[in-house]
All heavy atoms as atom14 arrays in JSON, in Angstrom:
{
  "sequence": "DMGIATNKGRFNDVTYGFGIIIPTHKWWGGSPPFDVYIDYFAFENP",
  "atom14_mask": [
    [1, 1, 1, 1, 1, 1, 1, 1, 0, 0, 0, 0, 0, 0],
    [1, 1, 1, 1, 1, 1, 1, 1, 0, 0, 0, 0, 0, 0],
    [1, 1, 1, 1, 0, 0, 0, 0, 0, 0, 0, 0, 0, 0],
    [1, 1, 1, 1, 1, 1, 1, 1, 0, 0, 0, 0, 0, 0],
    [1, 1, 1, 1, 1, 0, 0, 0, 0, 0, 0, 0, 0, 0],
    [1, 1, 1, 1, 1, 1, 1, 0, 0, 0, 0, 0, 0, 0],
    [1, 1, 1, 1, 1, 1, 1, 1, 0, 0, 0, 0, 0, 0],
    [1, 1, 1, 1, 1, 1, 1, 1, 1, 0, 0, 0, 0, 0],
    [1, 1, 1, 1, 0, 0, 0, 0, 0, 0, 0, 0, 0, 0],
    [1, 1, 1, 1, 1, 1, 1, 1, 1, 1, 1, 0, 0, 0],
    [1, 1, 1, 1, 1, 1, 1, 1, 1, 1, 1, 0, 0, 0],
    [1, 1, 1, 1, 1, 1, 1, 1, 0, 0, 0, 0, 0, 0],
    [1, 1, 1, 1, 1, 1, 1, 1, 0, 0, 0, 0, 0, 0],
    [1, 1, 1, 1, 1, 1, 1, 0, 0, 0, 0, 0, 0, 0],
    [1, 1, 1, 1, 1, 1, 1, 0, 0, 0, 0, 0, 0, 0],
    [1, 1, 1, 1, 1, 1, 1, 1, 1, 1, 1, 1, 0, 0],
    [1, 1, 1, 1, 0, 0, 0, 0, 0, 0, 0, 0, 0, 0],
    [1, 1, 1, 1, 1, 1, 1, 1, 1, 1, 1, 0, 0, 0],
    [1, 1, 1, 1, 0, 0, 0, 0, 0, 0, 0, 0, 0, 0],
    [1, 1, 1, 1, 1, 1, 1, 1, 0, 0, 0, 0, 0, 0],
    [1, 1, 1, 1, 1, 1, 1, 1, 0, 0, 0, 0, 0, 0],
    [1, 1, 1, 1, 1, 1, 1, 1, 0, 0, 0, 0, 0, 0],
    [1, 1, 1, 1, 1, 1, 1, 0, 0, 0, 0, 0, 0, 0],
    [1, 1, 1, 1, 1, 1, 1, 0, 0, 0, 0, 0, 0, 0],
    [1, 1, 1, 1, 1, 1, 1, 1, 1, 1, 0, 0, 0, 0],
    [1, 1, 1, 1, 1, 1, 1, 1, 1, 0, 0, 0, 0, 0],
    [1, 1, 1, 1, 1, 1, 1, 1, 1, 1, 1, 1, 1, 1],
    [1, 1, 1, 1, 1, 1, 1, 1, 1, 1, 1, 1, 1, 1],
    [1, 1, 1, 1, 0, 0, 0, 0, 0, 0, 0, 0, 0, 0],
    [1, 1, 1, 1, 0, 0, 0, 0, 0, 0, 0, 0, 0, 0],
    [1, 1, 1, 1, 1, 1, 0, 0, 0, 0, 0, 0, 0, 0],
    [1, 1, 1, 1, 1, 1, 1, 0, 0, 0, 0, 0, 0, 0],
    [1, 1, 1, 1, 1, 1, 1, 0, 0, 0, 0, 0, 0, 0],
    [1, 1, 1, 1, 1, 1, 1, 1, 1, 1, 1, 0, 0, 0],
    [1, 1, 1, 1, 1, 1, 1, 1, 0, 0, 0, 0, 0, 0],
    [1, 1, 1, 1, 1, 1, 1, 0, 0, 0, 0, 0, 0, 0],
    [1, 1, 1, 1, 1, 1, 1, 1, 1, 1, 1, 1, 0, 0],
    [1, 1, 1, 1, 1, 1, 1, 1, 0, 0, 0, 0, 0, 0],
    [1, 1, 1, 1, 1, 1, 1, 1, 0, 0, 0, 0, 0, 0],
    [1, 1, 1, 1, 1, 1, 1, 1, 1, 1, 1, 1, 0, 0],
    [1, 1, 1, 1, 1, 1, 1, 1, 1, 1, 1, 0, 0, 0],
    [1, 1, 1, 1, 1, 0, 0, 0, 0, 0, 0, 0, 0, 0],
    [1, 1, 1, 1, 1, 1, 1, 1, 1, 1, 1, 0, 0, 0],
    [1, 1, 1, 1, 1, 1, 1, 1, 1, 0, 0, 0, 0, 0],
    [1, 1, 1, 1, 1, 1, 1, 1, 0, 0, 0, 0, 0, 0],
    [1, 1, 1, 1, 1, 1, 1, 0, 0, 0, 0, 0, 0, 0]
  ],
  "atom14_positions": [
    [[0.83, -1.23, -0.01], [0.0, 0.01, -0.02], [0.86, 1.28, 0.01], [0.3, 2.35, 0.04], [-0.93, 0.02, 1.19], [-0.22, 0.03, 2.52], [1.02, 0.17, 2.59], [-0.95, -0.22, 3.56], [0.0, 0.0, 0.0], [0.0, 0.0, 0.0], [0.0, 0.0, 0.0], [0.0, 0.0, 0.0], [0.0, 0.0, 0.0], [0.0, 0.0, 0.0]],
    [[2.15, 1.13, -0.06], [3.1, 2.28, -0.11], [2.99, 3.23, 1.05], [3.43, 4.39, 0.97], [2.9, 3.02, -1.46], [2.94, 2.22, -2.74], [4.5, 1.37, -3.01], [5.53, 2.82, -3.38], [0.0, 0.0, 0.0], [0.0, 0.0, 0.0], [0.0, 0.0, 0.0], [0.0, 0.0, 0.0], [0.0, 0.0, 0.0], [0.0, 0.0, 0.0]],
    [[2.34, 2.72, 2.12], [2.24, 3.6, 3.33], [1.14, 4.66, 3.13], [1.07, 5.59, 3.97], [0.0, 0.0, 0.0], [0.0, 0.0, 0.0], [0.0, 0.0, 0.0], [0.0, 0.0, 0.0], [0.0, 0.0, 0.0], [0.0, 0.0, 0.0], [0.0, 0.0, 0.0], [0.0, 0.0, 0.0], [0.0, 0.0, 0.0], [0.0, 0.0, 0.0]],
    [[0.33, 4.57, 2.1], [-0.71, 5.57, 1.86], [-2.07, 5.0, 2.34], [-2.47, 3.89, 1.96], [-0.83, 5.89, 0.36], [0.57, 6.44, -0.12], [-1.87, 6.92, 0.07], [0.6, 6.68, -1.6], [0.0, 0.0, 0.0], [0.0, 0.0, 0.0], [0.0, 0.0, 0.0], [0.0, 0.0, 0.0], [0.0, 0.0, 0.0], [0.0, 0.0, 0.0]],
    [[-2.7, 5.78, 3.15], [-3.93, 5.31, 3.85], [-4.98, 4.94, 2.85], [-5.83, 4.01, 3.14], [-4.43, 6.35, 4.8], [0.0, 0.0, 0.0], [0.0, 0.0, 0.0], [0.0, 0.0, 0.0], [0.0, 0.0, 0.0], [0.0, 0.0, 0.0], [0.0, 0.0, 0.0], [0.0, 0.0, 0.0], [0.0, 0.0, 0.0], [0.0, 0.0, 0.0]],
    [[-5.11, 5.6, 1.71], [-6.18, 5.3, 0.73], [-5.86, 4.13, -0.13], [-6.7, 3.72, -0.94], [-6.5, 6.53, -0.1], [-5.28, 6.95, -0.7], [-7.04, 7.69, 0.75], [0.0, 0.0, 0.0], [0.0, 0.0, 0.0], [0.0, 0.0, 0.0], [0.0, 0.0, 0.0], [0.0, 0.0, 0.0], [0.0, 0.0, 0.0], [0.0, 0.0, 0.0]],
    [[-4.68, 3.56, -0.12], [-4.33, 2.4, -0.88], [-4.69, 1.17, -0.19], [-4.64, 1.08, 1.06], [-2.82, 2.39, -1.22], [-2.43, 3.42, -2.26], [-3.27, 4.01, -2.85], [-1.09, 3.56, -2.45], [0.0, 0.0, 0.0], [0.0, 0.0, 0.0], [0.0, 0.0, 0.0], [0.0, 0.0, 0.0], [0.0, 0.0, 0.0], [0.0, 0.0, 0.0]],
    [[-5.05, 0.17, -0.88], [-5.46, -1.16, -0.32], [-4.24, -2.04, -0.16], [-3.39, -2.12, -1.11], [-6.57, -1.8, -1.2], [-7.9, -1.12, -1.11], [-8.94, -1.95, -1.74], [-10.33, -1.39, -1.47], [-11.43, -2.21, -2.07], [0.0, 0.0, 0.0], [0.0, 0.0, 0.0], [0.0, 0.0, 0.0], [0.0, 0.0, 0.0], [0.0, 0.0, 0.0]],
    [[-4.21, -2.76, 0.94], [-3.13, -3.73, 1.13], [-3.47, -5.12, 0.65], [-2.61, -6.04, 0.67], [0.0, 0.0, 0.0], [0.0, 0.0, 0.0], [0.0, 0.0, 0.0], [0.0, 0.0, 0.0], [0.0, 0.0, 0.0], [0.0, 0.0, 0.0], [0.0, 0.0, 0.0], [0.0, 0.0, 0.0], [0.0, 0.0, 0.0], [0.0, 0.0, 0.0]],
    [[-4.68, -5.35, 0.17], [-5.1, -6.61, -0.33], [-6.23, -6.43, -1.32], [-7.11, -5.5, -1.14], [-5.58, -7.58, 0.76], [-6.2, -8.87, 0.26], [-6.7, -9.74, 1.44], [-5.61, -10.23, 2.23], [-4.89, -11.38, 1.9], [-5.2, -12.07, 0.88], [-3.88, -11.75, 2.68], [0.0, 0.0, 0.0], [0.0, 0.0, 0.0], [0.0, 0.0, 0.0]],
    [[-6.26, -7.2, -2.36], [-7.45, -7.12, -3.29], [-7.99, -8.56, -3.51], [-7.31, -9.55, -3.41], [-7.14, -6.41, -4.57], [-6.23, -7.21, -5.55], [-6.81, -8.2, -6.31], [-4.95, -6.83, -5.72], [-5.95, -8.91, -7.21], [-4.14, -7.53, -6.59], [-4.64, -8.59, -7.34], [0.0, 0.0, 0.0], [0.0, 0.0, 0.0], [0.0, 0.0, 0.0]],
    [[-9.27, -8.55, -3.78], [-9.99, -9.79, -4.07], [-10.79, -9.6, -5.33], [-11.41, -8.53, -5.52], [-10.98, -10.19, -2.91], [-10.34, -10.18, -1.57], [-9.43, -10.98, -1.3], [-10.76, -9.25, -0.74], [0.0, 0.0, 0.0], [0.0, 0.0, 0.0], [0.0, 0.0, 0.0], [0.0, 0.0, 0.0], [0.0, 0.0, 0.0], [0.0, 0.0, 0.0]],
    [[-10.8, -10.6, -6.23], [-11.5, -10.4, -7.46], [-11.86, -11.75, -8.1], [-11.27, -12.8, -7.77], [-10.74, -9.56, -8.46], [-11.63, -8.62, -9.24], [-12.86, -8.83, -9.19], [-11.15, -7.65, -9.81], [0.0, 0.0, 0.0], [0.0, 0.0, 0.0], [0.0, 0.0, 0.0], [0.0, 0.0, 0.0], [0.0, 0.0, 0.0], [0.0, 0.0, 0.0]],
    [[-12.77, -11.66, -9.05], [-13.3, -12.87, -9.74], [-12.89, -12.74, -11.21], [-12.98, -11.68, -11.82], [-14.8, -12.97, -9.61], [-15.35, -14.1, -10.47], [-15.2, -13.2, -8.14], [0.0, 0.0, 0.0], [0.0, 0.0, 0.0], [0.0, 0.0, 0.0], [0.0, 0.0, 0.0], [0.0, 0.0, 0.0], [0.0, 0.0, 0.0], [0.0, 0.0, 0.0]],
    [[-12.44, -13.86, -11.82], [-12.16, -13.88, -13.24], [-13.17, -14.86, -13.86], [-13.71, -15.78, -13.22], [-10.73, -14.33, -13.51], [-10.63, -15.75, -13.01], [-9.73, -13.48, -12.81], [0.0, 0.0, 0.0], [0.0, 0.0, 0.0], [0.0, 0.0, 0.0], [0.0, 0.0, 0.0], [0.0, 0.0, 0.0], [0.0, 0.0, 0.0], [0.0, 0.0, 0.0]],
    [[-13.38, -14.7, -15.15], [-14.34, -15.62, -15.82], [-13.98, -15.65, -17.27], [-13.26, -14.78, -17.81], [-15.75, -15.15, -15.64], [-16.05, -13.7, -16.09], [-16.49, -13.49, -17.39], [-15.87, -12.62, -15.22], [-16.73, -12.19, -17.81], [-16.13, -11.37, -15.64], [-16.59, -11.13, -16.95], [-16.77, -9.88, -17.38], [0.0, 0.0, 0.0], [0.0, 0.0, 0.0]],
    [[-14.49, -16.66, -17.97], [-14.34, -16.74, -19.43], [-15.08, -17.91, -19.93], [-15.68, -18.72, -19.23], [0.0, 0.0, 0.0], [0.0, 0.0, 0.0], [0.0, 0.0, 0.0], [0.0, 0.0, 0.0], [0.0, 0.0, 0.0], [0.0, 0.0, 0.0], [0.0, 0.0, 0.0], [0.0, 0.0, 0.0], [0.0, 0.0, 0.0], [0.0, 0.0, 0.0]],
    [[-14.98, -18.1, -21.26], [-15.57, -19.25, -21.9], [-14.77, -19.55, -23.17], [-13.93, -18.72, -23.63], [-17.09, -18.98, -22.28], [-17.25, -17.9, -23.29], [-17.21, -18.12, -24.67], [-17.51, -16.54, -22.85], [-17.34, -17.09, -25.6], [-17.69, -15.54, -23.8], [-17.64, -15.82, -25.15], [0.0, 0.0, 0.0], [0.0, 0.0, 0.0], [0.0, 0.0, 0.0]],
    [[-15.0, -20.72, -23.72], [-14.25, -21.11, -24.88], [-15.09, -22.04, -25.81], [-16.02, -22.7, -25.35], [0.0, 0.0, 0.0], [0.0, 0.0, 0.0], [0.0, 0.0, 0.0], [0.0, 0.0, 0.0], [0.0, 0.0, 0.0], [0.0, 0.0, 0.0], [0.0, 0.0, 0.0], [0.0, 0.0, 0.0], [0.0, 0.0, 0.0], [0.0, 0.0, 0.0]],
    [[-14.69, -22.05, -27.07], [-15.33, -22.94, -28.04], [-14.21, -23.78, -28.63], [-13.2, -23.29, -29.06], [-16.03, -22.13, -29.16], [-17.2, -21.31, -28.55], [-16.55, -23.1, -30.22], [-17.87, -20.4, -29.56], [0.0, 0.0, 0.0], [0.0, 0.0, 0.0], [0.0, 0.0, 0.0], [0.0, 0.0, 0.0], [0.0, 0.0, 0.0], [0.0, 0.0, 0.0]],
    [[-14.48, -25.09, -28.63], [-13.47, -26.05, -29.19], [-13.95, -26.52, -30.57], [-15.1, -27.09, -30.65], [-13.23, -27.22, -28.22], [-12.84, -26.71, -26.83], [-12.26, -28.19, -28.81], [-12.83, -27.8, -25.8], [0.0, 0.0, 0.0], [0.0, 0.0, 0.0], [0.0, 0.0, 0.0], [0.0, 0.0, 0.0], [0.0, 0.0, 0.0], [0.0, 0.0, 0.0]],
    [[-13.23, -26.27, -31.59], [-13.59, -26.75, -32.93], [-12.8, -28.06, -33.21], [-11.6, -27.97, -33.37], [-13.26, -25.64, -33.98], [-14.0, -24.37, -33.69], [-13.7, -26.13, -35.35], [-13.69, -23.2, -34.54], [0.0, 0.0, 0.0], [0.0, 0.0, 0.0], [0.0, 0.0, 0.0], [0.0, 0.0, 0.0], [0.0, 0.0, 0.0], [0.0, 0.0, 0.0]],
    [[-13.47, -29.16, -33.22], [-12.77, -30.47, -33.37], [-12.37, -30.75, -34.83], [-12.82, -31.69, -35.47], [-13.76, -31.44, -32.87], [-15.1, -30.87, -33.17], [-14.93, -29.4, -33.02], [0.0, 0.0, 0.0], [0.0, 0.0, 0.0], [0.0, 0.0, 0.0], [0.0, 0.0, 0.0], [0.0, 0.0, 0.0], [0.0, 0.0, 0.0], [0.0, 0.0, 0.0]],
    [[-11.43, -29.97, -35.35], [-10.98, -30.14, -36.7], [-10.4, -31.5, -36.98], [-10.53, -32.1, -38.07], [-10.04, -29.02, -37.11], [-8.91, -29.02, -36.14], [-10.67, -27.68, -37.11], [0.0, 0.0, 0.0], [0.0, 0.0, 0.0], [0.0, 0.0, 0.0], [0.0, 0.0, 0.0], [0.0, 0.0, 0.0], [0.0, 0.0, 0.0], [0.0, 0.0, 0.0]],
    [[-9.7, -32.0, -35.96], [-9.09, -33.31, -36.1], [-10.12, -34.47, -36.4], [-9.95, -35.29, -37.28], [-8.33, -33.69, -34.85], [-7.65, -35.05, -34.83], [-6.52, -35.3, -35.55], [-7.98, -36.22, -34.24], [-6.12, -36.55, -35.36], [-7.11, -37.16, -34.58], [0.0, 0.0, 0.0], [0.0, 0.0, 0.0], [0.0, 0.0, 0.0], [0.0, 0.0, 0.0]],
    [[-11.25, -34.32, -35.7], [-12.28, -35.35, -35.86], [-13.05, -35.12, -37.13], [-13.37, -36.09, -37.89], [-13.22, -35.33, -34.68], [-14.37, -36.31, -34.74], [-15.23, -36.24, -33.47], [-16.35, -37.27, -33.49], [-17.16, -37.19, -32.28], [0.0, 0.0, 0.0], [0.0, 0.0, 0.0], [0.0, 0.0, 0.0], [0.0, 0.0, 0.0], [0.0, 0.0, 0.0]],
    [[-13.37, -33.85, -37.46], [-14.2, -33.53, -38.63], [-13.46, -33.97, -39.95], [-14.21, -34.34, -40.91], [-14.53, -32.05, -38.67], [-15.53, -31.64, -37.59], [-16.22, -32.44, -36.77], [-15.92, -30.32, -37.33], [-17.03, -31.73, -35.94], [-16.9, -30.39, -36.24], [-15.59, -29.05, -37.77], [-17.5, -29.25, -35.71], [-16.2, -27.94, -37.24], [-17.15, -28.07, -36.22]],
    [[-12.19, -33.77, -40.01], [-11.48, -34.06, -41.25], [-10.71, -35.39, -41.17], [-9.67, -35.57, -41.8], [-10.49, -32.92, -41.54], [-11.21, -31.77, -42.22], [-11.53, -31.7, -43.61], [-11.67, -30.55, -41.64], [-12.13, -30.46, -43.84], [-12.25, -29.83, -42.63], [-11.68, -30.1, -40.35], [-12.86, -28.57, -42.43], [-12.24, -28.81, -40.07], [-12.81, -28.11, -41.11]],
    [[-11.21, -36.32, -40.36], [-10.68, -37.67, -40.35], [-9.27, -37.79, -39.97], [-8.55, -38.67, -40.51], [0.0, 0.0, 0.0], [0.0, 0.0, 0.0], [0.0, 0.0, 0.0], [0.0, 0.0, 0.0], [0.0, 0.0, 0.0], [0.0, 0.0, 0.0], [0.0, 0.0, 0.0], [0.0, 0.0, 0.0], [0.0, 0.0, 0.0], [0.0, 0.0, 0.0]],
    [[-8.83, -37.03, -39.01], [-7.47, -37.17, -38.46], [-6.45, -36.21, -39.05], [-5.31, -36.18, -38.75], [0.0, 0.0, 0.0], [0.0, 0.0, 0.0], [0.0, 0.0, 0.0], [0.0, 0.0, 0.0], [0.0, 0.0, 0.0], [0.0, 0.0, 0.0], [0.0, 0.0, 0.0], [0.0, 0.0, 0.0], [0.0, 0.0, 0.0], [0.0, 0.0, 0.0]],
    [[-6.88, -35.37, -40.04], [-6.01, -34.41, -40.66], [-6.8, -33.09, -40.77], [-7.89, -33.08, -41.4], [-5.51, -34.87, -42.01], [-4.69, -33.91, -42.61], [0.0, 0.0, 0.0], [0.0, 0.0, 0.0], [0.0, 0.0, 0.0], [0.0, 0.0, 0.0], [0.0, 0.0, 0.0], [0.0, 0.0, 0.0], [0.0, 0.0, 0.0], [0.0, 0.0, 0.0]],
    [[-6.31, -32.03, -40.21], [-5.03, -31.78, -39.58], [-4.97, -32.42, -38.14], [-5.99, -32.65, -37.56], [-4.93, -30.25, -39.48], [-6.39, -29.87, -39.39], [-7.15, -30.81, -40.25], [0.0, 0.0, 0.0], [0.0, 0.0, 0.0], [0.0, 0.0, 0.0], [0.0, 0.0, 0.0], [0.0, 0.0, 0.0], [0.0, 0.0, 0.0], [0.0, 0.0, 0.0]],
    [[-3.71, -32.58, -37.59], [-3.57, -33.19, -36.3], [-3.74, -32.24, -35.14], [-2.94, -32.25, -34.21], [-2.16, -33.76, -36.4], [-1.44, -32.75, -37.22], [-2.45, -32.3, -38.29], [0.0, 0.0, 0.0], [0.0, 0.0, 0.0], [0.0, 0.0, 0.0], [0.0, 0.0, 0.0], [0.0, 0.0, 0.0], [0.0, 0.0, 0.0], [0.0, 0.0, 0.0]],
    [[-4.72, -31.36, -35.22], [-4.96, -30.43, -34.06], [-6.42, -30.01, -34.14], [-7.18, -30.15, -35.09], [-4.04, -29.18, -34.22], [-4.2, -28.43, -35.53], [-5.22, -27.52, -35.73], [-3.26, -28.58, -36.55], [-5.39, -26.89, -36.93], [-3.4, -27.9, -37.76], [-4.46, -27.01, -37.94], [0.0, 0.0, 0.0], [0.0, 0.0, 0.0], [0.0, 0.0, 0.0]],
    [[-6.82, -29.48, -32.97], [-8.12, -28.82, -32.77], [-7.91, -27.33, -32.58], [-6.87, -26.88, -32.16], [-8.87, -29.42, -31.62], [-9.22, -30.9, -31.82], [-9.47, -31.27, -32.98], [-9.19, -31.62, -30.84], [0.0, 0.0, 0.0], [0.0, 0.0, 0.0], [0.0, 0.0, 0.0], [0.0, 0.0, 0.0], [0.0, 0.0, 0.0], [0.0, 0.0, 0.0]],
    [[-8.95, -26.52, -32.87], [-8.89, -25.08, -32.71], [-9.63, -24.66, -31.52], [-10.84, -25.02, -31.31], [-9.43, -24.35, -33.95], [-9.34, -22.86, -33.79], [-8.72, -24.88, -35.24], [0.0, 0.0, 0.0], [0.0, 0.0, 0.0], [0.0, 0.0, 0.0], [0.0, 0.0, 0.0], [0.0, 0.0, 0.0], [0.0, 0.0, 0.0], [0.0, 0.0, 0.0]],
    [[-8.97, -23.94, -30.57], [-9.57, -23.44, -29.35], [-9.72, -21.93, -29.43], [-8.74, -21.26, -29.69], [-8.72, -23.78, -28.13], [-8.77, -25.22, -27.71], [-8.41, -26.24, -28.56], [-9.09, -25.55, -26.37], [-8.43, -27.56, -28.17], [-9.16, -26.88, -25.99], [-8.79, -27.9, -26.88], [-8.84, -29.17, -26.48], [0.0, 0.0, 0.0], [0.0, 0.0, 0.0]],
    [[-10.96, -21.39, -29.31], [-11.22, -19.98, -29.3], [-11.66, -19.64, -27.93], [-12.7, -20.14, -27.43], [-12.24, -19.61, -30.33], [-11.79, -20.04, -31.76], [-12.47, -18.11, -30.33], [-12.83, -19.82, -32.88], [0.0, 0.0, 0.0], [0.0, 0.0, 0.0], [0.0, 0.0, 0.0], [0.0, 0.0, 0.0], [0.0, 0.0, 0.0], [0.0, 0.0, 0.0]],
    [[-10.92, -18.78, -27.21], [-11.19, -18.51, -25.78], [-11.37, -17.01, -25.59], [-10.75, -16.16, -26.22], [-10.02, -18.99, -24.9], [-9.81, -20.5, -24.99], [-10.82, -21.18, -24.84], [-8.67, -20.94, -25.16], [0.0, 0.0, 0.0], [0.0, 0.0, 0.0], [0.0, 0.0, 0.0], [0.0, 0.0, 0.0], [0.0, 0.0, 0.0], [0.0, 0.0, 0.0]],
    [[-12.27, -16.71, -24.69], [-12.52, -15.36, -24.19], [-12.24, -15.32, -22.74], [-12.6, -16.2, -21.96], [-13.97, -14.91, -24.4], [-14.31, -13.61, -23.76], [-13.99, -12.4, -24.31], [-14.99, -13.59, -22.52], [-14.27, -11.17, -23.73], [-15.3, -12.35, -21.9], [-14.96, -11.18, -22.47], [-15.26, -10.02, -21.86], [0.0, 0.0, 0.0], [0.0, 0.0, 0.0]],
    [[-11.49, -14.26, -22.26], [-11.2, -14.12, -20.83], [-11.48, -12.74, -20.36], [-11.39, -11.77, -21.15], [-9.71, -14.54, -20.54], [-8.71, -13.55, -21.19], [-8.29, -12.43, -20.54], [-8.23, -13.8, -22.46], [-7.39, -11.57, -21.07], [-7.36, -12.92, -23.02], [-6.95, -11.8, -22.38], [0.0, 0.0, 0.0], [0.0, 0.0, 0.0], [0.0, 0.0, 0.0]],
    [[-11.74, -12.64, -19.07], [-12.05, -11.32, -18.5], [-11.52, -11.31, -17.07], [-11.79, -12.21, -16.28], [-13.51, -11.0, -18.49], [0.0, 0.0, 0.0], [0.0, 0.0, 0.0], [0.0, 0.0, 0.0], [0.0, 0.0, 0.0], [0.0, 0.0, 0.0], [0.0, 0.0, 0.0], [0.0, 0.0, 0.0], [0.0, 0.0, 0.0], [0.0, 0.0, 0.0]],
    [[-10.76, -10.26, -16.76], [-10.24, -10.05, -15.38], [-10.6, -8.64, -15.01], [-10.1, -7.65, -15.55], [-8.72, -10.24, -15.32], [-8.11, -9.9, -13.99], [-8.31, -10.74, -12.9], [-7.41, -8.79, -13.79], [-7.81, -10.5, -11.67], [-6.8, -8.46, -12.55], [-7.04, -9.35, -11.49], [0.0, 0.0, 0.0], [0.0, 0.0, 0.0], [0.0, 0.0, 0.0]],
    [[-11.56, -8.52, -14.1], [-12.0, -7.2, -13.66], [-11.04, -6.65, -12.62], [-11.06, -7.05, -11.45], [-13.41, -7.34, -13.11], [-14.42, -7.98, -13.96], [-14.74, -7.17, -15.25], [-14.53, -5.96, -15.17], [-15.14, -7.79, -16.23], [0.0, 0.0, 0.0], [0.0, 0.0, 0.0], [0.0, 0.0, 0.0], [0.0, 0.0, 0.0], [0.0, 0.0, 0.0]],
    [[-10.13, -5.81, -13.03], [-9.14, -5.27, -12.15], [-9.82, -4.64, -10.94], [-10.68, -3.8, -11.04], [-8.24, -4.23, -12.85], [-7.09, -4.86, -13.6], [-6.55, -5.86, -13.13], [-6.76, -4.31, -14.74], [0.0, 0.0, 0.0], [0.0, 0.0, 0.0], [0.0, 0.0, 0.0], [0.0, 0.0, 0.0], [0.0, 0.0, 0.0], [0.0, 0.0, 0.0]],
    [[-9.41, -5.07, -9.71], [-10.02, -4.57, -8.51], [-9.65, -3.13, -8.17], [-8.53, -2.7, -8.59], [-9.58, -5.57, -7.45], [-8.2, -5.97, -7.93], [-8.28, -6.01, -9.44], [0.0, 0.0, 0.0], [0.0, 0.0, 0.0], [0.0, 0.0, 0.0], [0.0, 0.0, 0.0], [0.0, 0.0, 0.0], [0.0, 0.0, 0.0], [0.0, 0.0, 0.0]]
  ]
}
């Protein structure tokens, strides 16, 4: 808190997110050898 009374010495917060997995490996019969992950994330700075 830098010794400043208005600064907080601890913060608490919640993060959240979601993702979509595109199974390209399964859809194309094993080629390409990977799946595509599209993710969204959010961190609400306290």
